[in-house]
Amino acid sequence: MDGNRRFTKKCKLMEGAGHKIGFSALMSMLKYCYEFGVRYVTVYAFSIENFKRSPEEVQSLMDLMLEKIEEILKEQSIVNRYGVRVIFSGNLKLLSEPVRLAAERAMLATAKNSKAVLSICVAYTSTNEIMHAVQESCEEKWDEITLLNSSGAGYGLISLGGYEQDEMDHLIKLTDIEKHMYMAAAPDPDIIIRTSGETRLSNFLLWQSANCYLYSPSVLWPEIGFRQFLWAILNFQRIHFYLDKQRKQS
């Protein structure tokens, strides 16, 4: 959702107005997605890098996030109308306590919704996600081997240095890392939409986006509409066979 601040400057609006209009654009895009049968939607709401902005701007964004999370909890909100489960993905410990608690309430309140999944990436970068997943996988495997050795069933696996089959079974596998990803609840994306004409991912879903279509409309995020949404769908359909072939070969 790139271009909220530039939209504010472009239209000479009050500071923060672009993010509020951007939220309205998000609600419209979510409606299009759910009415077109898109079951999984992921939005990049706040990067870990965004914490480097001025304290005033960060606080303003946290206040806006808190306000919008509370709106999600209302009975007539879009997530309840369309039966959407909301998941906040990222290093949530970095969020202010009110925002973190509100996010937890939203996840709990929508946990039984099953028609679609909305993943909101906050306090997120892909490198942090990968580092977290590797660390969790190492700790899990270490605990597993330690438990085996303490029970006498591990045959001293911690001290062995070879690569026999028994040891290979205790190495970290791709599936071990993927299950600890922040984005484990959603499949790899088919389409990534990056507004403002930017063609870089900016540390977003680097692990998951190897075989997806990147669409970069020139409009700023608050300006995005149905035309850009439909064009992304049509372009994806045009190259779907190629992308699917690449995915199966990887």
Protein backbone atom coordinates (compact mmCIF):
# COMPACT_ATOMS: atom_id res chain seq x y z
CA MET A 1 0.00 0.00 0.00
CA ASP A 2 2.55 2.50 -1.25
CA GLY A 3 2.04 6.23 -1.75
CA ASN A 4 -0.12 7.45 1.14
CA ARG A 5 2.30 10.21 2.16
CA ARG A 6 2.92 11.24 -1.45
CA PHE A 7 -0.84 11.43 -2.00
CA THR A 8 -1.10 13.77 0.99
CA LYS A 9 1.55 16.08 -0.46
CA LYS A 10 0.18 15.84 -3.99
CA CYS A 11 -3.32 16.89 -2.89
CA LYS A 12 -2.03 19.34 -0.25
CA LEU A 13 -3.96 17.60 2.53
CA MET A 14 -3.42 17.62 6.27
CA GLU A 15 -0.72 15.27 7.54
CA GLY A 16 -2.10 11.74 7.97
CA ALA A 17 -5.06 12.29 5.61
CA GLY A 18 -3.47 10.11 2.95
CA HIS A 19 -3.36 7.11 5.29
CA LYS A 20 -7.05 7.54 6.19
CA ILE A 21 -8.03 7.72 2.51
CA GLY A 22 -5.73 4.77 1.91
CA PHE A 23 -7.70 2.77 4.47
CA SER A 24 -10.91 3.50 2.55
CA ALA A 25 -9.18 2.29 -0.61
CA LEU A 26 -8.20 -0.89 1.23
CA MET A 27 -11.82 -1.54 2.24
CA SER A 28 -12.91 -1.16 -1.39
CA MET A 29 -10.18 -3.52 -2.61
CA LEU A 30 -11.08 -6.10 0.03
CA LYS A 31 -14.71 -5.95 -1.09
CA TYR A 32 -13.66 -6.57 -4.70
CA CYS A 33 -11.48 -9.48 -3.61
CA TYR A 34 -14.15 -11.21 -1.58
CA GLU A 35 -16.84 -10.69 -4.21
CA PHE A 36 -14.51 -12.18 -6.84
CA GLY A 37 -13.86 -15.20 -4.62
CA VAL A 38 -10.29 -14.35 -3.60
CA ARG A 39 -9.94 -16.32 -0.39
CA TYR A 40 -6.55 -15.11 0.87
CA VAL A 41 -5.52 -11.46 0.99
CA THR A 42 -2.34 -10.11 2.60
CA VAL A 43 -1.65 -6.40 3.14
CA TYR A 44 1.65 -4.79 4.11
CA ALA A 45 0.45 -2.26 6.66
CA PHE A 46 3.56 -1.34 8.66
CA SER A 47 7.18 -2.36 8.18
CA ILE A 48 9.74 -2.69 10.95
CA GLU A 49 11.65 -0.05 8.98
CA ASN A 50 8.75 2.36 9.49
CA PHE A 51 9.70 2.61 13.17
CA LYS A 52 12.64 4.74 11.97
CA ARG A 53 10.28 7.55 10.99
CA SER A 54 9.71 10.47 13.34
CA PRO A 55 8.14 9.53 16.71
CA GLU A 56 5.19 11.80 15.92
CA GLU A 57 4.45 10.03 12.64
CA VAL A 58 4.87 6.57 14.17
CA GLN A 59 2.49 7.46 17.00
CA SER A 60 -0.02 8.87 14.51
CA LEU A 61 0.08 5.62 12.52
CA MET A 62 -0.28 3.54 15.69
CA ASP A 63 -3.32 5.62 16.71
CA LEU A 64 -4.85 5.15 13.25
CA MET A 65 -4.13 1.42 13.37
CA LEU A 66 -5.80 1.13 16.77
CA GLU A 67 -8.85 3.02 15.51
CA LYS A 68 -9.19 0.79 12.44
CA ILE A 69 -8.69 -2.44 14.39
CA GLU A 70 -11.54 -1.39 16.66
CA GLU A 71 -13.67 -0.87 13.56
CA ILE A 72 -12.90 -4.43 12.48
CA LEU A 73 -14.42 -5.67 15.73
CA LYS A 74 -17.79 -4.05 15.00
CA GLU A 75 -20.54 -6.45 13.98
CA GLN A 76 -21.26 -4.68 10.69
CA SER A 77 -17.60 -4.51 9.61
CA ILE A 78 -16.48 -5.97 6.28
CA VAL A 79 -14.73 -8.91 7.94
CA ASN A 80 -17.95 -10.01 9.63
CA ARG A 81 -20.11 -9.41 6.55
CA TYR A 82 -17.87 -11.64 4.45
CA GLY A 83 -16.87 -14.12 7.16
CA VAL A 84 -13.18 -13.16 7.16
CA ARG A 85 -10.66 -14.42 9.66
CA VAL A 86 -8.10 -11.71 10.52
CA ILE A 87 -4.48 -12.60 11.28
CA PHE A 88 -1.83 -10.05 12.26
CA SER A 89 1.56 -11.24 11.03
CA GLY A 90 4.92 -9.93 12.15
CA ASN A 91 6.95 -9.27 15.27
CA LEU A 92 3.96 -8.08 17.28
CA LYS A 93 6.13 -7.55 20.36
CA LEU A 94 7.38 -4.35 18.71
CA LEU A 95 3.90 -2.81 18.68
CA SER A 96 2.63 -0.55 21.42
CA GLU A 97 0.65 -2.44 24.03
CA PRO A 98 -2.78 -0.97 23.10
CA VAL A 99 -2.29 -1.88 19.42
CA ARG A 100 -0.94 -5.34 20.22
CA LEU A 101 -3.84 -6.11 22.56
CA ALA A 102 -6.36 -4.81 20.01
CA ALA A 103 -4.78 -7.03 17.34
CA GLU A 104 -5.05 -10.03 19.64
CA ARG A 105 -8.72 -9.23 20.31
CA ALA A 106 -9.42 -8.98 16.58
CA MET A 107 -7.75 -12.33 15.89
CA LEU A 108 -9.70 -13.97 18.70
CA ALA A 109 -13.01 -12.39 17.65
CA THR A 110 -12.67 -13.57 14.02
CA ALA A 111 -11.00 -16.94 14.69
CA LYS A 112 -14.16 -18.88 13.75
CA ASN A 113 -14.70 -17.03 10.47
CA SER A 114 -13.88 -19.45 7.65
CA LYS A 115 -14.88 -17.97 4.30
CA ALA A 116 -11.67 -15.96 3.77
CA VAL A 117 -8.43 -14.96 5.49
CA LEU A 118 -7.01 -11.43 5.77
CA SER A 119 -3.37 -11.34 6.86
CA ILE A 120 -2.21 -7.90 8.01
CA CYS A 121 1.56 -7.57 8.10
CA VAL A 122 2.57 -5.17 10.89
CA ALA A 123 6.02 -4.77 12.45
CA TYR A 124 7.05 -7.02 9.56
CA THR A 125 9.94 -7.50 7.17
CA SER A 126 10.63 -10.65 5.22
CA THR A 127 14.19 -10.89 6.53
CA ASN A 128 12.89 -10.72 10.10
CA GLU A 129 10.31 -13.40 9.25
CA ILE A 130 12.98 -15.73 7.85
CA MET A 131 15.32 -15.11 10.78
CA HIS A 132 12.46 -15.81 13.22
CA ALA A 133 11.51 -19.04 11.42
CA VAL A 134 15.09 -20.33 11.37
CA GLN A 135 15.59 -19.50 15.04
CA GLU A 136 12.33 -21.20 16.04
CA SER A 137 13.20 -24.26 13.93
CA CYS A 138 16.66 -24.55 15.52
CA GLU A 139 15.24 -24.25 19.03
CA GLU A 140 12.52 -26.81 18.29
CA LYS A 141 15.00 -29.30 16.82
CA TRP A 142 17.45 -28.78 19.67
CA ASP A 143 14.71 -29.44 22.24
CA GLU A 144 13.66 -32.56 20.31
CA ILE A 145 17.20 -33.98 20.24
CA THR A 146 17.84 -33.07 23.88
CA LEU A 147 14.66 -34.87 24.89
CA LEU A 148 15.65 -37.97 22.94
CA ASN A 149 19.11 -38.03 24.49
CA SER A 150 17.78 -37.54 28.01
CA SER A 151 15.46 -40.52 27.54
CA GLY A 152 18.26 -42.68 26.14
CA ALA A 153 16.62 -42.93 22.70
CA GLY A 154 18.84 -40.41 20.94
CA TYR A 155 22.08 -42.43 21.02
CA GLY A 156 24.13 -39.32 21.68
CA LEU A 157 22.96 -37.47 18.60
CA ILE A 158 24.19 -34.14 19.92
CA SER A 159 27.79 -35.34 20.03
CA LEU A 160 27.81 -37.24 16.71
CA GLY A 161 29.50 -35.52 13.77
CA GLY A 162 28.72 -37.82 10.82
CA TYR A 163 25.80 -37.83 8.41
CA GLU A 164 24.21 -41.24 8.89
CA GLN A 165 20.50 -41.63 8.18
CA ASP A 166 19.56 -41.38 11.85
CA GLU A 167 21.29 -38.02 12.03
CA MET A 168 19.78 -36.82 8.75
CA ASP A 169 16.34 -37.36 10.27
CA HIS A 170 17.21 -34.74 12.88
CA LEU A 171 18.42 -32.04 10.50
CA ILE A 172 16.23 -28.99 9.91
CA LYS A 173 14.09 -29.39 6.78
CA LEU A 174 12.35 -26.86 4.57
CA THR A 175 8.99 -27.81 6.07
CA ASP A 176 10.35 -27.07 9.57
CA ILE A 177 11.19 -23.51 8.56
CA GLU A 178 7.99 -22.90 6.62
CA LYS A 179 5.72 -23.91 9.50
CA HIS A 180 7.36 -21.24 11.69
CA MET A 181 6.92 -18.43 9.14
CA TYR A 182 4.68 -15.56 10.19
CA MET A 183 2.75 -16.22 6.95
CA ALA A 184 2.30 -19.95 7.55
CA ALA A 185 -1.49 -19.53 7.71
CA ALA A 186 -1.71 -18.48 4.05
CA PRO A 187 -0.53 -20.09 0.80
CA ASP A 188 2.13 -18.41 -1.35
CA PRO A 189 0.64 -15.44 -3.23
CA ASP A 190 -0.48 -15.57 -6.86
CA ILE A 191 -0.37 -11.79 -7.31
CA ILE A 192 1.48 -8.98 -5.52
CA ILE A 193 0.18 -5.48 -6.20
CA ARG A 194 2.65 -2.66 -5.49
CA THR A 195 1.29 0.80 -6.26
CA SER A 196 3.19 3.99 -7.23
CA GLY A 197 4.86 2.20 -10.13
CA GLU A 198 7.45 0.62 -7.85
CA THR A 199 8.73 -2.76 -9.06
CA ARG A 200 10.64 -3.79 -5.93
CA LEU A 201 9.25 -5.88 -3.09
CA SER A 202 10.76 -3.79 -0.27
CA ASN A 203 11.34 -6.76 2.03
CA PHE A 204 7.82 -8.15 1.61
CA LEU A 205 7.14 -11.90 1.19
CA LEU A 206 10.59 -12.58 -0.27
CA TRP A 207 10.40 -16.26 0.73
CA GLN A 208 6.90 -16.76 -0.68
CA SER A 209 6.96 -14.74 -3.92
CA ALA A 210 9.34 -16.71 -6.16
CA ASN A 211 6.58 -17.67 -8.60
CA CYS A 212 3.98 -14.94 -8.39
CA TYR A 213 2.92 -12.10 -10.66
CA LEU A 214 4.06 -8.59 -9.63
CA TYR A 215 1.70 -5.85 -10.79
CA SER A 216 2.88 -2.25 -10.38
CA PRO A 217 0.23 0.31 -11.37
CA SER A 218 1.42 3.92 -11.46
CA VAL A 219 -1.38 5.19 -9.20
CA LEU A 220 -0.72 5.96 -5.55
CA TRP A 221 -2.43 3.63 -3.07
CA PRO A 222 -5.31 6.02 -2.16
CA GLU A 223 -6.06 6.32 -5.90
CA ILE A 224 -6.32 2.58 -6.60
CA GLY A 225 -9.70 1.33 -7.78
CA PHE A 226 -11.61 -1.39 -9.57
CA ARG A 227 -9.86 -0.77 -12.91
CA GLN A 228 -6.44 -1.59 -11.45
CA PHE A 229 -7.86 -4.58 -9.56
CA LEU A 230 -9.45 -6.02 -12.71
CA TRP A 231 -6.33 -5.41 -14.80
CA ALA A 232 -4.25 -7.33 -12.26
CA ILE A 233 -6.67 -10.28 -12.46
CA LEU A 234 -6.71 -10.30 -16.27
CA ASN A 235 -2.92 -10.12 -16.53
CA PHE A 236 -2.56 -12.93 -14.01
CA GLN A 237 -4.95 -15.10 -16.01
CA ARG A 238 -2.92 -14.42 -19.14
CA ILE A 239 0.33 -15.74 -17.64
CA HIS A 240 -1.12 -18.23 -15.14
CA PHE A 241 -0.06 -21.27 -17.20
CA TYR A 242 3.57 -20.11 -17.26
CA LEU A 243 3.63 -19.29 -13.54
CA ASP A 244 2.02 -22.61 -12.65
CA LYS A 245 4.60 -24.45 -14.75
CA GLN A 246 7.43 -22.60 -13.01
CA ARG A 247 5.93 -23.39 -9.59
CA LYS A 248 5.73 -27.11 -10.36
CA GLN A 249 9.35 -27.17 -11.55
CA SER A 250 10.70 -25.42 -8.47
